[in-house]
Structures are given as structure tokens and as C-alpha cells.
Amino acid sequence: MKKELHPKGWNGIKTNDSWAIFKIMGEFVNGYEKLSRIGPCVSIFGSARTQPHDKYYQLAQDIATHIVEAGYGVITGGGPGIMEAGNKGAHLAGGTSVGLNIDLPFEQHDNPYIDSDKSLDFDYFFVRKVMFVKYSQGFVVMPGGFGTLDELFEAITLIQTKKIEKFPIILVGTEFWGGVMDWIKDTLLEKFSTVSATDLDLIHLVDTETEVIDILDGFYKQYELSPNF
């Protein structure tokens, strides 16, 4: 006999799922209100585990400094590692330094280089990712783990499906990202044809801060600086 689900929930227990909508709405409203005032920014992503002595920490800091000098602010996930390096570079250069913090059981704590009025806390990853995509004029993606990959491929998917406006996605570190790009081209594009060549047009693979700025400036000579949807 087919088991019927109780209308109150999986186990007949009344849930508060619908009330969570208001908490989600609150995160969206707070995020939109604060980030709509920050001006053009570039997001820097990467591992929370990267230590200050690592070359990619220093490179992320240098990239953030150059981004500020080019007239943009910097947005990060607000935590340690590459996120801290991005905020530090922006802060020391006197630019806008935004941190979108997430409550996690490990790794995440806000870093001290975020502007005090631009530090936001989120409980929901999906709300936080909307803020990254909406208010970033570009993604600079340093070496990272599953979270970094998640943010990278979601942005590519949204651009591919025309759900958001185009913006440059810059992968920093050939030694780290080269194999990923080879796999995308050799396997997804050429062997199985699950993506098209045009899907890869906005993905750039670089190794220096100068290349990052050249790509951002070159792109925005053609397009306006504005929210992405």
C-alpha cells in the first residue's frame, strides 16, 4: 500500500518552513540596500585556507590594490585566506572593501580589513551568491576549493543562459586552472559538445595583476558599469 505523507510534514510534525521566507527576504532587502550604494566593484574568490606566506595570498592582495587603483572597489566572501588578502589589498590602497560573510561551522570568520559599514552577514549561501553576481563588475578567481568552483560555474551558467549581463571572469594561476580549462576544452567542447566555443569567450586565464586590470579595462570600454540584473 502506498504510504501517504502527512500534510503537516514528513513525520506528521508541523514545520515552520513558510516562515523562513521572511528571514530570506530580510537578507535580500539588507543586501540590496547596502550594496546598491557601494559603486562598481570586482569580486575576488579563493580558498579560505591560503596562508599569508603563500604566493597566491600576496598575489590576491596585489590584484586588489591594482583593482582599487583602477577605480573599482573589492568584494570578497569576508573570511580568511584569499578573501582576507583581497580585503587587505583594497583597504591598504584606500578603496572600498566589502565582505559578504557566511555563518559556517568551520573556516569562516570575518577578517579585519572590511569597511565597517560594508560587512554583511548571511545565513543562506544562495542569497549571498545573488549579491556577488548582482553587484560585481567582474570575478577574479584565485585557487580554491569546492566553494570557489561553485561560485565560478554558477556565474558562467548565468551568463551562458543570459540570466545576467556579461562580465569578465578571470582565472588567476595557470598552474592551478590550466588543467580545468584543458578539460573544459578537450572534453566538454571537443569530445562531447556539451558547451559551445562562445561559452568560453569571457573566461580568461592569467598569472599577473596587470593582466587582470587590462581585461577589466578592455571589457568596460565596450560596456556600461551597472548592476548585472
C-alpha atoms as a PDB file:
ATOM      1  CA  MET A   1       0.000   0.000   0.000  1.00  0.00           C
ATOM      2  CA  LYS A   2       1.341   3.433  -0.919  1.00  0.00           C
ATOM      3  CA  LYS A   3       2.446   5.485   2.049  1.00  0.00           C
ATOM      4  CA  GLU A   4       0.859   8.911   2.200  1.00  0.00           C
ATOM      5  CA  LEU A   5       2.744  11.883   3.529  1.00  0.00           C
ATOM      6  CA  HIS A   6       1.087  13.693   6.380  1.00  0.00           C
ATOM      7  CA  PRO A   7       0.025  17.205   5.268  1.00  0.00           C
ATOM      8  CA  LYS A   8       1.930  18.780   8.168  1.00  0.00           C
ATOM      9  CA  GLY A   9       5.293  17.390   7.175  1.00  0.00           C
ATOM     10  CA  TRP A  10       7.358  14.263   6.619  1.00  0.00           C
ATOM     11  CA  ASN A  11       6.618  12.809  10.026  1.00  0.00           C
ATOM     12  CA  GLY A  12       3.363  14.472  10.864  1.00  0.00           C
ATOM     13  CA  ILE A  13       5.218  17.274  12.632  1.00  0.00           C
ATOM     14  CA  LYS A  14       4.181  20.815  11.913  1.00  0.00           C
ATOM     15  CA  THR A  15       7.051  22.809  10.345  1.00  0.00           C
ATOM     16  CA  ASN A  16       7.892  26.495  10.124  1.00  0.00           C
ATOM     17  CA  ASP A  17       9.208  26.304   6.577  1.00  0.00           C
ATOM     18  CA  SER A  18       6.956  29.068   5.278  1.00  0.00           C
ATOM     19  CA  TRP A  19       8.151  31.491   7.981  1.00  0.00           C
ATOM     20  CA  ALA A  20      11.713  31.115   6.722  1.00  0.00           C
ATOM     21  CA  ILE A  21      10.626  33.167   3.704  1.00  0.00           C
ATOM     22  CA  PHE A  22      10.646  36.295   5.832  1.00  0.00           C
ATOM     23  CA  LYS A  23      14.205  35.676   7.025  1.00  0.00           C
ATOM     24  CA  ILE A  24      15.288  35.110   3.425  1.00  0.00           C
ATOM     25  CA  MET A  25      13.502  38.291   2.349  1.00  0.00           C
ATOM     26  CA  GLY A  26      15.257  40.173   5.131  1.00  0.00           C
ATOM     27  CA  GLU A  27      18.666  39.062   3.894  1.00  0.00           C
ATOM     28  CA  PHE A  28      17.818  40.135   0.348  1.00  0.00           C
ATOM     29  CA  VAL A  29      16.495  43.544   1.452  1.00  0.00           C
ATOM     30  CA  ASN A  30      19.502  44.252   3.672  1.00  0.00           C
ATOM     31  CA  GLY A  31      21.915  43.148   0.949  1.00  0.00           C
ATOM     32  CA  TYR A  32      20.267  45.190  -1.783  1.00  0.00           C
ATOM     33  CA  GLU A  33      20.072  48.324   0.372  1.00  0.00           C
ATOM     34  CA  LYS A  34      23.727  48.234   1.417  1.00  0.00           C
ATOM     35  CA  LEU A  35      25.317  47.037  -1.806  1.00  0.00           C
ATOM     36  CA  SER A  36      23.359  49.371  -4.087  1.00  0.00           C
ATOM     37  CA  ARG A  37      25.463  52.211  -2.645  1.00  0.00           C
ATOM     38  CA  ILE A  38      28.971  50.745  -2.996  1.00  0.00           C
ATOM     39  CA  GLY A  39      29.723  51.672  -6.605  1.00  0.00           C
ATOM     40  CA  PRO A  40      31.483  49.472  -9.185  1.00  0.00           C
ATOM     41  CA  CYS A  41      33.298  46.549  -7.549  1.00  0.00           C
ATOM     42  CA  VAL A  42      35.145  43.401  -8.552  1.00  0.00           C
ATOM     43  CA  SER A  43      34.782  40.172  -6.576  1.00  0.00           C
ATOM     44  CA  ILE A  44      37.829  38.149  -5.576  1.00  0.00           C
ATOM     45  CA  PHE A  45      37.290  34.476  -4.775  1.00  0.00           C
ATOM     46  CA  GLY A  46      39.623  31.782  -3.480  1.00  0.00           C
ATOM     47  CA  SER A  47      40.447  29.413  -0.699  1.00  0.00           C
ATOM     48  CA  ALA A  48      39.884  30.318   2.944  1.00  0.00           C
ATOM     49  CA  ARG A  49      42.848  28.049   3.740  1.00  0.00           C
ATOM     50  CA  THR A  50      45.505  30.045   1.899  1.00  0.00           C
ATOM     51  CA  GLN A  51      48.087  31.333   4.372  1.00  0.00           C
ATOM     52  CA  PRO A  52      49.680  34.816   4.319  1.00  0.00           C
ATOM     53  CA  HIS A  53      53.058  33.374   3.309  1.00  0.00           C
ATOM     54  CA  ASP A  54      51.548  31.719   0.217  1.00  0.00           C
ATOM     55  CA  LYS A  55      52.345  33.362  -3.121  1.00  0.00           C
ATOM     56  CA  TYR A  56      48.671  33.439  -4.058  1.00  0.00           C
ATOM     57  CA  TYR A  57      47.795  35.361  -0.892  1.00  0.00           C
ATOM     58  CA  GLN A  58      50.281  38.059  -1.874  1.00  0.00           C
ATOM     59  CA  LEU A  59      49.116  37.987  -5.492  1.00  0.00           C
ATOM     60  CA  ALA A  60      45.466  38.395  -4.416  1.00  0.00           C
ATOM     61  CA  GLN A  61      46.483  41.353  -2.244  1.00  0.00           C
ATOM     62  CA  ASP A  62      48.380  42.938  -5.140  1.00  0.00           C
ATOM     63  CA  ILE A  63      45.476  42.365  -7.521  1.00  0.00           C
ATOM     64  CA  ALA A  64      43.079  44.027  -5.071  1.00  0.00           C
ATOM     65  CA  THR A  65      45.386  47.034  -4.782  1.00  0.00           C
ATOM     66  CA  HIS A  66      45.535  47.375  -8.560  1.00  0.00           C
ATOM     67  CA  ILE A  67      41.753  46.996  -8.801  1.00  0.00           C
ATOM     68  CA  VAL A  68      41.302  49.905  -6.399  1.00  0.00           C
ATOM     69  CA  GLU A  69      43.860  51.999  -8.264  1.00  0.00           C
ATOM     70  CA  ALA A  70      41.896  51.321 -11.466  1.00  0.00           C
ATOM     71  CA  GLY A  71      38.770  52.823  -9.877  1.00  0.00           C
ATOM     72  CA  TYR A  72      36.880  49.778  -8.619  1.00  0.00           C
ATOM     73  CA  GLY A  73      36.117  48.500  -5.140  1.00  0.00           C
ATOM     74  CA  VAL A  74      36.655  44.929  -3.966  1.00  0.00           C
ATOM     75  CA  ILE A  75      34.103  42.389  -2.753  1.00  0.00           C
ATOM     76  CA  THR A  76      35.104  39.127  -1.071  1.00  0.00           C
ATOM     77  CA  GLY A  77      33.432  36.443   0.983  1.00  0.00           C
ATOM     78  CA  GLY A  78      34.705  38.252   4.056  1.00  0.00           C
ATOM     79  CA  GLY A  79      36.658  35.387   5.585  1.00  0.00           C
ATOM     80  CA  PRO A  80      40.326  34.394   5.917  1.00  0.00           C
ATOM     81  CA  GLY A  81      42.787  33.268   3.246  1.00  0.00           C
ATOM     82  CA  ILE A  82      42.343  34.712  -0.232  1.00  0.00           C
ATOM     83  CA  MET A  83      39.311  36.661   0.976  1.00  0.00           C
ATOM     84  CA  GLU A  84      41.400  38.383   3.632  1.00  0.00           C
ATOM     85  CA  ALA A  85      44.114  39.120   1.079  1.00  0.00           C
ATOM     86  CA  GLY A  86      41.586  40.773  -1.233  1.00  0.00           C
ATOM     87  CA  ASN A  87      40.124  42.939   1.504  1.00  0.00           C
ATOM     88  CA  LYS A  88      43.604  43.793   2.783  1.00  0.00           C
ATOM     89  CA  GLY A  89      44.798  44.976  -0.617  1.00  0.00           C
ATOM     90  CA  ALA A  90      41.711  47.138  -1.057  1.00  0.00           C
ATOM     91  CA  HIS A  91      41.898  48.531   2.481  1.00  0.00           C
ATOM     92  CA  LEU A  92      45.584  49.436   2.334  1.00  0.00           C
ATOM     93  CA  ALA A  93      45.018  51.158  -1.015  1.00  0.00           C
ATOM     94  CA  GLY A  94      42.231  53.262   0.480  1.00  0.00           C
ATOM     95  CA  GLY A  95      39.467  51.703  -1.613  1.00  0.00           C
ATOM     96  CA  THR A  96      36.058  50.199  -0.985  1.00  0.00           C
ATOM     97  CA  SER A  97      36.418  46.874   0.851  1.00  0.00           C
ATOM     98  CA  VAL A  98      33.255  44.766   1.097  1.00  0.00           C
ATOM     99  CA  GLY A  99      32.834  41.454   2.935  1.00  0.00           C
ATOM    100  CA  LEU A 100      29.889  39.116   2.427  1.00  0.00           C
ATOM    101  CA  ASN A 101      30.253  36.829   5.423  1.00  0.00           C
ATOM    102  CA  ILE A 102      28.561  33.443   5.811  1.00  0.00           C
ATOM    103  CA  ASP A 103      27.883  31.571   9.035  1.00  0.00           C
ATOM    104  CA  LEU A 104      29.821  28.277   8.766  1.00  0.00           C
ATOM    105  CA  PRO A 105      30.832  25.641  11.341  1.00  0.00           C
ATOM    106  CA  PHE A 106      34.494  25.930  10.265  1.00  0.00           C
ATOM    107  CA  GLU A 107      36.889  28.150   8.303  1.00  0.00           C
ATOM    108  CA  GLN A 108      34.741  31.266   8.198  1.00  0.00           C
ATOM    109  CA  HIS A 109      35.324  34.305  10.379  1.00  0.00           C
ATOM    110  CA  ASP A 110      35.315  37.866   9.173  1.00  0.00           C
ATOM    111  CA  ASN A 111      38.682  39.466   8.529  1.00  0.00           C
ATOM    112  CA  PRO A 112      39.760  42.861   9.914  1.00  0.00           C
ATOM    113  CA  TYR A 113      40.190  44.601   6.543  1.00  0.00           C
ATOM    114  CA  ILE A 114      36.498  45.018   5.672  1.00  0.00           C
ATOM    115  CA  ASP A 115      34.991  48.519   5.840  1.00  0.00           C
ATOM    116  CA  SER A 116      32.875  48.654   8.992  1.00  0.00           C
ATOM    117  CA  ASP A 117      29.777  49.794   7.088  1.00  0.00           C
ATOM    118  CA  LYS A 118      30.256  47.227   4.316  1.00  0.00           C
ATOM    119  CA  SER A 119      30.364  43.981   6.288  1.00  0.00           C
ATOM    120  CA  LEU A 120      27.253  41.875   5.720  1.00  0.00           C
ATOM    121  CA  ASP A 121      26.341  38.571   7.368  1.00  0.00           C
ATOM    122  CA  PHE A 122      24.359  35.835   5.624  1.00  0.00           C
ATOM    123  CA  ASP A 123      22.833  32.558   6.725  1.00  0.00           C
ATOM    124  CA  TYR A 124      21.917  31.461   3.192  1.00  0.00           C
ATOM    125  CA  PHE A 125      24.526  30.711   0.546  1.00  0.00           C
ATOM    126  CA  PHE A 126      22.083  31.347  -2.291  1.00  0.00           C
ATOM    127  CA  VAL A 127      21.272  34.879  -1.074  1.00  0.00           C
ATOM    128  CA  ARG A 128      24.965  35.635  -0.682  1.00  0.00           C
ATOM    129  CA  LYS A 129      25.695  34.396  -4.218  1.00  0.00           C
ATOM    130  CA  VAL A 130      22.997  36.652  -5.635  1.00  0.00           C
ATOM    131  CA  MET A 131      24.782  39.628  -4.065  1.00  0.00           C
ATOM    132  CA  PHE A 132      28.103  38.617  -5.595  1.00  0.00           C
ATOM    133  CA  VAL A 133      26.620  38.292  -9.051  1.00  0.00           C
ATOM    134  CA  LYS A 134      24.396  41.369  -8.978  1.00  0.00           C
ATOM    135  CA  TYR A 135      26.948  43.877  -7.727  1.00  0.00           C
ATOM    136  CA  SER A 136      30.231  42.629  -9.224  1.00  0.00           C
ATOM    137  CA  GLN A 137      31.650  44.028 -12.446  1.00  0.00           C
ATOM    138  CA  GLY A 138      33.924  41.016 -12.744  1.00  0.00           C
ATOM    139  CA  PHE A 139      35.045  37.846 -10.977  1.00  0.00           C
ATOM    140  CA  VAL A 140      38.722  37.317 -10.168  1.00  0.00           C
ATOM    141  CA  VAL A 141      39.032  33.659  -9.234  1.00  0.00           C
ATOM    142  CA  MET A 142      42.133  32.551  -7.368  1.00  0.00           C
ATOM    143  CA  PRO A 143      42.982  28.925  -6.471  1.00  0.00           C
ATOM    144  CA  GLY A 144      40.301  27.496  -4.204  1.00  0.00           C
ATOM    145  CA  GLY A 145      38.130  24.541  -3.301  1.00  0.00           C
ATOM    146  CA  PHE A 146      34.540  23.449  -3.849  1.00  0.00           C
ATOM    147  CA  GLY A 147      33.081  26.813  -2.805  1.00  0.00           C
ATOM    148  CA  THR A 148      35.251  28.660  -5.300  1.00  0.00           C
ATOM    149  CA  LEU A 149      34.299  26.213  -8.043  1.00  0.00           C
ATOM    150  CA  ASP A 150      30.623  26.588  -7.149  1.00  0.00           C
ATOM    151  CA  GLU A 151      30.762  30.379  -7.457  1.00  0.00           C
ATOM    152  CA  LEU A 152      32.764  30.173 -10.694  1.00  0.00           C
ATOM    153  CA  PHE A 153      30.488  27.745 -12.525  1.00  0.00           C
ATOM    154  CA  GLU A 154      27.283  29.384 -11.333  1.00  0.00           C
ATOM    155  CA  ALA A 155      28.443  32.686 -12.814  1.00  0.00           C
ATOM    156  CA  ILE A 156      29.387  31.002 -16.090  1.00  0.00           C
ATOM    157  CA  THR A 157      25.973  29.285 -16.212  1.00  0.00           C
ATOM    158  CA  LEU A 158      24.054  32.506 -15.571  1.00  0.00           C
ATOM    159  CA  ILE A 159      25.942  34.297 -18.327  1.00  0.00           C
ATOM    160  CA  GLN A 160      25.599  31.337 -20.704  1.00  0.00           C
ATOM    161  CA  THR A 161      21.828  31.206 -20.194  1.00  0.00           C
ATOM    162  CA  LYS A 162      21.520  35.015 -20.437  1.00  0.00           C
ATOM    163  CA  LYS A 163      20.031  35.328 -16.976  1.00  0.00           C
ATOM    164  CA  ILE A 164      22.531  38.067 -16.181  1.00  0.00           C
ATOM    165  CA  GLU A 165      24.549  40.581 -18.145  1.00  0.00           C
ATOM    166  CA  LYS A 166      28.015  39.584 -19.335  1.00  0.00           C
ATOM    167  CA  PHE A 167      31.048  40.374 -17.204  1.00  0.00           C
ATOM    168  CA  PRO A 168      34.643  39.121 -17.329  1.00  0.00           C
ATOM    169  CA  ILE A 169      35.612  36.009 -15.391  1.00  0.00           C
ATOM    170  CA  ILE A 170      39.351  35.936 -14.753  1.00  0.00           C
ATOM    171  CA  LEU A 171      41.073  32.784 -13.511  1.00  0.00           C
ATOM    172  CA  VAL A 172      44.388  33.584 -11.842  1.00  0.00           C
ATOM    173  CA  GLY A 173      47.085  30.897 -11.785  1.00  0.00           C
ATOM    174  CA  THR A 174      47.839  28.846 -14.878  1.00  0.00           C
ATOM    175  CA  GLU A 175      49.348  26.069 -12.796  1.00  0.00           C
ATOM    176  CA  PHE A 176      46.070  25.699 -10.895  1.00  0.00           C
ATOM    177  CA  TRP A 177      43.417  26.432 -13.530  1.00  0.00           C
ATOM    178  CA  GLY A 178      45.203  25.221 -16.662  1.00  0.00           C
ATOM    179  CA  GLY A 179      44.060  21.624 -16.219  1.00  0.00           C
ATOM    180  CA  VAL A 180      40.461  22.717 -15.628  1.00  0.00           C
ATOM    181  CA  MET A 181      40.448  24.777 -18.804  1.00  0.00           C
ATOM    182  CA  ASP A 182      42.065  21.946 -20.776  1.00  0.00           C
ATOM    183  CA  TRP A 183      39.344  19.576 -19.551  1.00  0.00           C
ATOM    184  CA  ILE A 184      36.586  22.015 -20.476  1.00  0.00           C
ATOM    185  CA  LYS A 185      38.005  22.497 -23.973  1.00  0.00           C
ATOM    186  CA  ASP A 186      39.068  18.910 -24.682  1.00  0.00           C
ATOM    187  CA  THR A 187      36.199  17.052 -23.039  1.00  0.00           C
ATOM    188  CA  LEU A 188      33.163  19.341 -22.808  1.00  0.00           C
ATOM    189  CA  LEU A 189      33.727  21.283 -26.010  1.00  0.00           C
ATOM    190  CA  GLU A 190      35.529  18.996 -28.442  1.00  0.00           C
ATOM    191  CA  LYS A 191      34.764  15.431 -27.349  1.00  0.00           C
ATOM    192  CA  PHE A 192      31.187  15.668 -26.088  1.00  0.00           C
ATOM    193  CA  SER A 193      29.998  19.052 -27.432  1.00  0.00           C
ATOM    194  CA  THR A 194      28.168  19.862 -24.202  1.00  0.00           C
ATOM    195  CA  VAL A 195      29.246  23.513 -24.400  1.00  0.00           C
ATOM    196  CA  SER A 196      29.907  25.860 -27.298  1.00  0.00           C
ATOM    197  CA  ALA A 197      33.037  27.832 -28.065  1.00  0.00           C
ATOM    198  CA  THR A 198      31.224  31.114 -27.399  1.00  0.00           C
ATOM    199  CA  ASP A 199      30.513  29.962 -23.834  1.00  0.00           C
ATOM    200  CA  LEU A 200      34.216  30.269 -23.128  1.00  0.00           C
ATOM    201  CA  ASP A 201      34.700  33.758 -24.559  1.00  0.00           C
ATOM    202  CA  LEU A 202      34.504  35.559 -21.234  1.00  0.00           C
ATOM    203  CA  ILE A 203      36.793  33.202 -19.313  1.00  0.00           C
ATOM    204  CA  HIS A 204      40.377  34.408 -19.151  1.00  0.00           C
ATOM    205  CA  LEU A 205      43.398  32.601 -17.736  1.00  0.00           C
ATOM    206  CA  VAL A 206      46.159  34.863 -16.397  1.00  0.00           C
ATOM    207  CA  ASP A 207      49.054  34.972 -13.959  1.00  0.00           C
ATOM    208  CA  THR A 208      49.611  38.648 -13.125  1.00  0.00           C
ATOM    209  CA  GLU A 209      47.772  41.610 -11.658  1.00  0.00           C
ATOM    210  CA  THR A 210      48.497  43.654 -14.792  1.00  0.00           C
ATOM    211  CA  GLU A 211      46.644  41.155 -16.960  1.00  0.00           C
ATOM    212  CA  VAL A 212      43.638  41.308 -14.629  1.00  0.00           C
ATOM    213  CA  ILE A 213      43.366  45.091 -14.955  1.00  0.00           C
ATOM    214  CA  ASP A 214      43.913  45.003 -18.721  1.00  0.00           C
ATOM    215  CA  ILE A 215      40.991  42.589 -19.100  1.00  0.00           C
ATOM    216  CA  LEU A 216      38.677  44.616 -16.849  1.00  0.00           C
ATOM    217  CA  ASP A 217      39.523  47.915 -18.546  1.00  0.00           C
ATOM    218  CA  GLY A 218      39.284  46.406 -22.008  1.00  0.00           C
ATOM    219  CA  PHE A 219      35.848  44.975 -21.277  1.00  0.00           C
ATOM    220  CA  TYR A 220      34.396  48.162 -19.809  1.00  0.00           C
ATOM    221  CA  LYS A 221      35.480  50.256 -22.753  1.00  0.00           C
ATOM    222  CA  GLN A 222      32.614  48.461 -24.509  1.00  0.00           C
ATOM    223  CA  TYR A 223      30.033  48.042 -21.736  1.00  0.00           C
ATOM    224  CA  GLU A 224      28.499  50.201 -19.025  1.00  0.00           C
ATOM    225  CA  LEU A 225      29.263  49.751 -15.346  1.00  0.00           C
ATOM    226  CA  SER A 226      25.942  48.745 -13.766  1.00  0.00           C
ATOM    227  CA  PRO A 227      24.275  46.001 -11.702  1.00  0.00           C
ATOM    228  CA  ASN A 228      24.079  42.757 -13.661  1.00  0.00           C
ATOM    229  CA  PHE A 229      20.303  42.225 -13.496  1.00  0.00           C
END
